[in-house]
Protein backbone atom coordinates (compact mmCIF):
# COMPACT_ATOMS: atom_id res chain seq x y z
CA MET A 1 -0.19 0.16 -0.01
CA LEU A 2 2.73 2.77 0.88
CA LEU A 3 4.34 2.09 -2.31
CA ALA A 4 1.38 2.47 -4.57
CA LEU A 5 1.64 5.78 -2.39
CA MET A 6 4.80 6.68 -4.04
CA PRO A 7 4.62 8.31 -7.12
CA LEU A 8 1.19 10.56 -5.72
CA SER A 9 3.07 12.00 -2.68
CA LEU A 10 6.14 12.25 -5.82
CA ILE A 11 2.82 14.38 -7.88
CA ALA A 12 1.83 15.60 -4.67
CA GLN A 13 5.86 17.53 -4.05
CA SER A 14 5.95 21.83 -5.61
CA TYR A 15 8.97 23.47 -5.53
CA THR A 16 8.07 27.44 -4.99
CA VAL A 17 10.89 29.22 -7.60
CA TYR A 18 12.72 31.80 -5.52
CA SER A 19 15.60 33.40 -8.46
CA VAL A 20 15.71 33.23 -12.18
CA VAL A 21 18.91 34.59 -12.91
CA GLY A 22 19.64 34.59 -16.96
CA SER A 23 16.45 32.86 -19.31
CA ALA A 24 14.22 29.52 -17.89
CA ARG A 25 10.96 28.79 -19.00
CA TRP A 26 8.01 25.99 -17.93
CA HIS A 27 5.97 23.74 -19.83
CA ASN A 28 3.05 24.83 -19.47
CA GLY A 29 0.38 22.30 -21.92
CA LYS A 30 1.76 22.77 -25.55
CA THR A 31 3.50 26.10 -24.50
CA MET A 32 6.79 27.26 -22.92
CA VAL A 33 5.70 29.69 -20.58
CA PRO A 34 8.79 31.88 -19.07
CA LEU A 35 9.78 30.59 -15.38
CA LYS A 36 9.55 34.20 -12.81
CA ALA A 37 10.21 33.82 -8.45
CA ARG A 38 7.22 32.79 -7.18
CA LYS A 39 5.92 30.39 -9.41
CA VAL A 40 5.46 26.75 -8.00
CA LEU A 41 5.82 23.65 -9.83
CA SER A 42 5.53 19.88 -9.65
CA ALA A 43 8.25 17.45 -9.61
CA GLN A 44 7.18 16.35 -13.51
CA ASN A 45 6.79 20.13 -14.90
CA LYS A 46 9.58 20.77 -17.85
CA VAL A 47 11.54 22.91 -17.00
CA GLN A 48 13.68 24.94 -19.90
CA ILE A 49 17.00 26.70 -18.65
CA GLY A 50 19.07 28.57 -21.17
CA GLU A 51 22.91 29.27 -21.38
CA GLU A 52 25.03 30.60 -18.03
CA SER A 53 21.11 30.75 -16.53
CA ALA A 54 19.97 29.16 -12.96
CA VAL A 55 16.90 28.29 -11.30
CA THR A 56 16.96 28.05 -7.89
CA VAL A 57 13.79 26.59 -5.75
CA ILE A 58 12.45 26.35 -2.50
CA ASP A 59 11.38 22.66 -1.08
CA GLU A 60 9.32 23.78 1.47
CA LYS A 61 8.58 20.47 2.42
CA ASN A 62 11.62 19.58 3.86
CA ALA A 63 13.03 22.91 3.97
CA LYS A 64 15.50 22.07 1.21
CA MET A 65 16.76 24.87 -2.08
CA TYR A 66 17.82 23.28 -4.95
CA SER A 67 19.89 25.51 -7.39
CA PHE A 68 19.69 24.61 -11.46
CA THR A 69 22.12 25.50 -13.93
CA SER A 70 22.39 22.34 -16.51
CA PRO A 71 20.92 24.25 -20.19
CA GLY A 72 18.09 22.01 -21.75
CA THR A 73 15.05 20.75 -21.35
CA ASN A 74 14.58 18.51 -17.92
CA THR A 75 11.04 17.68 -14.86
CA VAL A 76 12.58 19.39 -11.73
CA ALA A 77 12.04 15.74 -10.51
CA ASP A 78 15.69 14.66 -13.11
CA LEU A 79 17.01 18.09 -11.95
CA ILE A 80 16.57 17.17 -8.80
CA LYS A 81 18.49 14.01 -9.16
CA ASN A 82 21.14 15.04 -10.79
CA LEU A 83 22.27 17.22 -8.24
CA LYS A 84 22.90 13.73 -6.00
CA GLY A 85 22.02 15.56 -3.06
CA LYS A 86 23.42 18.25 -3.46
CA SER A 87 20.95 21.38 -1.74
CA LYS A 88 21.06 24.05 0.91
CA ASN A 89 19.18 23.11 3.47
CA LEU A 90 17.38 25.63 4.61
CA SER A 91 16.64 26.57 9.39
CA LYS A 92 12.66 27.49 10.32
CA GLN A 93 13.56 30.68 10.77
CA TYR A 94 15.46 31.46 7.42
CA LEU A 95 13.10 29.51 5.25
CA SER A 96 9.89 31.84 7.07
CA TYR A 97 11.96 34.49 6.05
CA VAL A 98 12.49 33.82 2.89
CA VAL A 99 9.15 32.88 1.92
CA LYS A 100 7.99 35.60 3.39
CA GLN A 101 10.28 38.33 1.50
CA LEU A 102 9.70 36.18 -1.89
CA PHE A 103 5.51 37.13 -1.59
CA SER A 104 6.19 40.69 -0.45
CA ASP A 105 5.65 43.07 -2.78
CA ASP A 106 8.30 44.82 -1.74
CA SER A 107 10.32 41.91 -3.69
CA GLU A 108 9.14 43.11 -7.08
CA LYS A 109 10.69 46.76 -6.01
CA MET A 110 13.97 47.15 -8.19
CA SER A 111 15.95 49.81 -8.12
CA HIS A 112 19.21 51.05 -8.93
CA PRO A 113 20.67 53.49 -6.00
CA ASN A 114 22.57 56.36 -6.69
CA THR A 115 22.96 57.80 -2.86
CA TYR A 116 23.22 55.75 0.49
CA MET A 117 20.09 53.90 1.51
CA GLN A 118 19.56 51.67 4.13
CA ALA A 119 16.68 48.53 3.29
CA THR A 120 14.44 48.01 6.22
CA ALA A 121 15.48 45.33 8.70
CA THR A 122 13.30 42.31 9.13
CA ALA A 123 13.21 39.32 11.39
CA TYR A 124 15.98 37.29 10.26
CA ARG A 125 18.18 40.19 7.95
CA SER A 126 19.40 42.66 10.06
CA SER A 127 20.52 46.25 8.98
CA SER A 128 23.77 44.93 10.77
CA ASN A 129 24.58 42.44 8.43
CA ASP A 130 24.98 44.85 5.79
CA SER A 131 27.23 47.09 7.98
CA LEU A 132 29.01 44.08 8.45
CA LEU A 133 29.50 44.23 4.34
CA LEU A 134 31.16 47.76 4.83
CA ASN A 135 33.76 46.30 7.53
CA GLN A 136 34.92 43.58 5.97
CA LEU A 137 35.46 46.09 2.55
CA GLY A 138 37.78 48.13 4.48
CA ASN A 139 39.51 44.75 6.21
CA LEU A 140 40.32 43.11 2.62
CA LEU A 141 42.02 45.95 0.99
CA SER A 142 45.83 45.85 2.23
CA VAL A 143 46.83 49.19 3.54
CA ASP A 144 50.70 50.60 4.71
CA SER A 145 51.57 53.24 5.72
CA SER A 146 52.18 55.12 2.52
CA SER A 147 48.03 54.58 2.29
CA ALA A 148 47.56 54.88 6.05
CA ASP A 149 45.29 58.32 5.03
CA LYS A 150 43.24 57.52 2.07
CA THR A 151 40.32 56.52 2.24
CA VAL A 152 38.62 52.92 1.75
CA GLU A 153 37.42 54.22 -1.73
CA ALA A 154 40.63 55.51 -2.56
CA LEU A 155 42.20 52.83 -2.21
CA LEU A 156 39.36 50.96 -4.85
CA ILE A 157 40.72 52.86 -7.95
CA ASP A 158 44.46 52.62 -6.78
CA SER A 159 46.06 49.51 -9.63
CA SER A 160 48.84 49.28 -7.03
CA ALA A 161 46.53 48.78 -3.79
CA PRO A 162 46.48 44.87 -3.57
CA ILE A 163 43.05 43.55 -2.14
CA SER A 164 41.94 40.17 -0.54
CA THR A 165 39.35 37.81 -1.21
CA ASP A 166 37.21 34.91 1.09
CA TYR A 167 36.12 33.46 -2.10
CA ASP A 168 36.63 32.92 -4.90
CA VAL A 169 34.82 34.51 -7.28
CA GLN A 170 35.64 36.04 -10.87
CA PHE A 171 33.46 38.78 -13.43
CA GLU A 172 33.36 39.94 -16.96
CA LEU A 173 31.70 42.17 -18.79
CA ILE A 174 30.11 41.07 -21.66
CA ASP A 175 29.32 43.37 -25.54
CA CYS A 176 25.76 43.21 -25.59
CA THR A 177 26.50 43.50 -29.27
CA THR A 178 29.07 41.18 -29.87
CA GLY A 179 28.98 38.46 -27.03
CA LEU A 180 32.50 38.57 -26.32
CA PRO A 181 34.55 40.44 -23.36
CA LEU A 182 35.02 43.62 -22.98
CA GLU A 183 39.26 43.97 -23.28
CA ASP A 184 40.56 46.97 -20.83
CA HIS A 185 39.93 49.69 -23.26
CA ILE A 186 36.17 50.41 -24.36
CA ALA A 187 34.60 52.73 -26.39
CA PRO A 188 33.12 55.19 -26.01
CA ASN A 189 28.48 54.13 -25.75
CA THR A 190 29.34 50.96 -25.24
CA SER A 191 25.97 48.19 -24.21
CA CYS A 192 27.37 45.36 -21.87
CA TYR A 193 26.41 42.86 -19.19
CA LEU A 194 27.60 41.33 -15.98
CA ARG A 195 28.90 37.83 -16.14
CA VAL A 196 29.76 36.02 -13.20
CA THR A 197 31.83 33.16 -11.92
CA ASN A 198 31.40 31.19 -8.68
CA ARG A 199 33.64 28.82 -7.83
CA THR A 200 32.91 27.56 -5.04
CA PRO A 201 30.55 25.32 -3.55
CA GLU A 202 28.34 27.51 -1.71
CA LEU A 203 25.21 29.58 -2.73
CA LEU A 204 26.54 33.31 -2.61
CA TYR A 205 24.56 36.90 -3.67
CA MET A 206 26.64 39.27 -5.78
CA ASN A 207 26.70 42.87 -6.71
CA LEU A 208 28.98 44.97 -9.05
CA LEU A 209 30.32 48.43 -8.04
CA ASP A 210 31.61 51.05 -9.93
CA ILE A 211 33.35 53.24 -8.83
CA ASP A 212 35.30 56.41 -11.27
CA SER A 213 38.42 58.54 -11.13
CA LYS A 214 36.10 60.99 -9.20
CA GLY A 215 34.90 58.68 -6.28
CA ASN A 216 31.48 59.08 -7.91
CA LYS A 217 29.64 55.66 -7.39
CA TYR A 218 26.53 53.08 -9.27
CA LEU A 219 25.22 49.95 -7.89
CA VAL A 220 25.24 48.18 -11.41
CA LEU A 221 22.17 45.48 -10.39
CA PRO A 222 18.95 46.99 -9.19
CA MET A 223 17.98 45.96 -5.58
CA ASP A 224 14.85 44.94 -4.38
CA ALA A 225 12.66 46.96 -1.46
CA ALA A 226 12.92 44.33 0.73
CA ALA A 227 16.47 43.33 0.56
CA THR A 228 15.42 39.98 -0.59
CA CYS A 229 18.56 39.27 -3.40
CA ALA A 230 16.90 37.54 -4.60
CA HIS A 231 17.62 38.13 -7.65
CA LEU A 232 21.07 38.18 -7.55
CA LEU A 233 22.19 34.32 -6.34
CA VAL A 234 24.60 32.69 -8.42
CA PRO A 235 24.50 29.04 -7.24
CA ALA A 236 28.05 26.99 -6.52
CA MET A 237 30.34 26.03 -9.31
CA SER A 238 28.19 27.41 -11.57
CA THR A 239 28.52 31.04 -14.22
CA VAL A 240 25.89 32.89 -15.44
CA SER A 241 25.03 35.76 -16.97
CA PHE A 242 22.90 39.23 -15.76
CA LYS A 243 21.29 39.56 -19.48
CA ALA A 244 18.23 41.05 -18.18
CA GLU A 245 19.91 44.00 -16.51
CA PRO A 246 22.47 45.77 -19.24
CA PHE A 247 24.23 49.02 -18.41
CA ILE A 248 26.26 51.44 -20.62
CA PHE A 249 29.07 53.46 -20.30
CA GLY A 250 29.49 57.35 -21.00
CA ASP A 251 30.45 59.22 -23.79
CA GLU A 252 33.09 60.94 -22.39
CA PRO A 253 35.86 59.63 -21.60
CA SER A 254 36.95 57.99 -18.53
CA ASP A 255 38.70 55.47 -15.73
CA GLU A 256 36.39 52.50 -14.37
CA THR A 257 37.08 50.38 -11.13
CA LEU A 258 34.81 47.94 -11.41
CA LEU A 259 34.16 45.83 -7.69
CA LEU A 260 32.82 42.24 -7.40
CA MET A 261 30.99 41.59 -4.18
CA ALA A 262 29.91 37.88 -2.73
CA VAL A 263 28.14 37.15 0.16
CA ARG A 264 27.04 33.82 1.97
CA GLU A 265 23.78 35.85 3.51
CA PRO A 266 21.84 38.32 1.78
CA VAL A 267 22.23 42.40 2.96
CA ASP A 268 21.46 45.56 1.25
CA PHE A 269 24.41 46.07 -0.82
CA SER A 270 23.15 49.44 -1.53
CA ILE A 271 24.91 50.57 1.40
CA VAL A 272 28.10 50.22 -0.43
CA MET A 273 27.34 53.63 -1.16
CA ASP A 274 28.00 55.28 1.92
CA THR A 275 31.66 55.85 2.84
CA ILE A 276 32.98 52.71 3.06
CA LYS A 277 35.88 53.04 6.26
CA THR A 278 37.95 50.37 7.71
CA GLY A 279 38.65 49.20 10.63
CA GLY A 280 35.72 47.94 11.34
CA GLN A 281 35.02 44.80 13.63
CA GLY A 282 33.18 41.48 12.36
CA THR A 283 33.15 37.95 11.34
CA MET A 284 31.62 38.37 7.25
CA ARG A 285 33.50 36.76 4.44
CA VAL A 286 32.80 38.89 1.95
CA GLY A 287 34.65 37.64 -2.16
CA LEU A 288 35.28 40.25 -4.30
CA ASN A 289 37.24 40.58 -7.42
CA ARG A 290 38.60 43.48 -9.47
CA ARG A 291 39.15 44.94 -12.93
CA PHE A 292 40.40 49.08 -13.98
CA TYR A 293 38.66 50.19 -17.69
CA GLN A 294 39.40 52.83 -19.65
CA VAL A 295 36.70 54.50 -21.61
CA LYS A 296 38.13 56.31 -24.69
């Protein structure tokens, strides 16, 4: 009798889409429909994942999070089977937070902050995490006697100032027209998108900070008002492209420093629009990768 019920339990199993980065669709009858966050899938639903894309789902019943990056069309059950047990276990507290924020109206309100903005703290995510990000950004810079009087921003745009990282993460900018990585020298008005690689065994949330030679800052990927960062999630050991968030360089000559930031837990990345200081205390691990570009 139990064996007879097993297929029914598999069919009844549901998975809520937490994040889609890149392109993904699901088979709805005879058509393929774009897959979006909040969609509830069954184990038998077919999902088509594009190249350099990622889909992350939540299994509320078993408090697990699964990330799929294999391109092609597969059922959810097969995608989970191919992970060979690799999943992220969620505590009840964190699961409650994720689901609550996922279905919050604020999770769909996106903005590119150009000034400091602090998201409202939640029951799980504390604003202290945001401060820890700032602290670690300063701590990962090598400050010696000759640079002690410089701001963190000044050190970040100084190619001679070494920078460390807690995670192995990489990025490159891809030309929207050619589909090729951009070199250090970029023509004015070039449009591009961000491609990132997570070489760690952990899910990481990422964003990219742009600082010009005058100290002006720009956060490349938008933040949702709830600061869930679901749309910024990059699965372990994967490469994904943020094609839906292209950006364009200006028409004036400039020197641009781009800094990739990666963390394990959601943070309000827009806090980096504030002044970054050194000497802060904290235990947050942050992955950093820096590249320099010249627009001319």
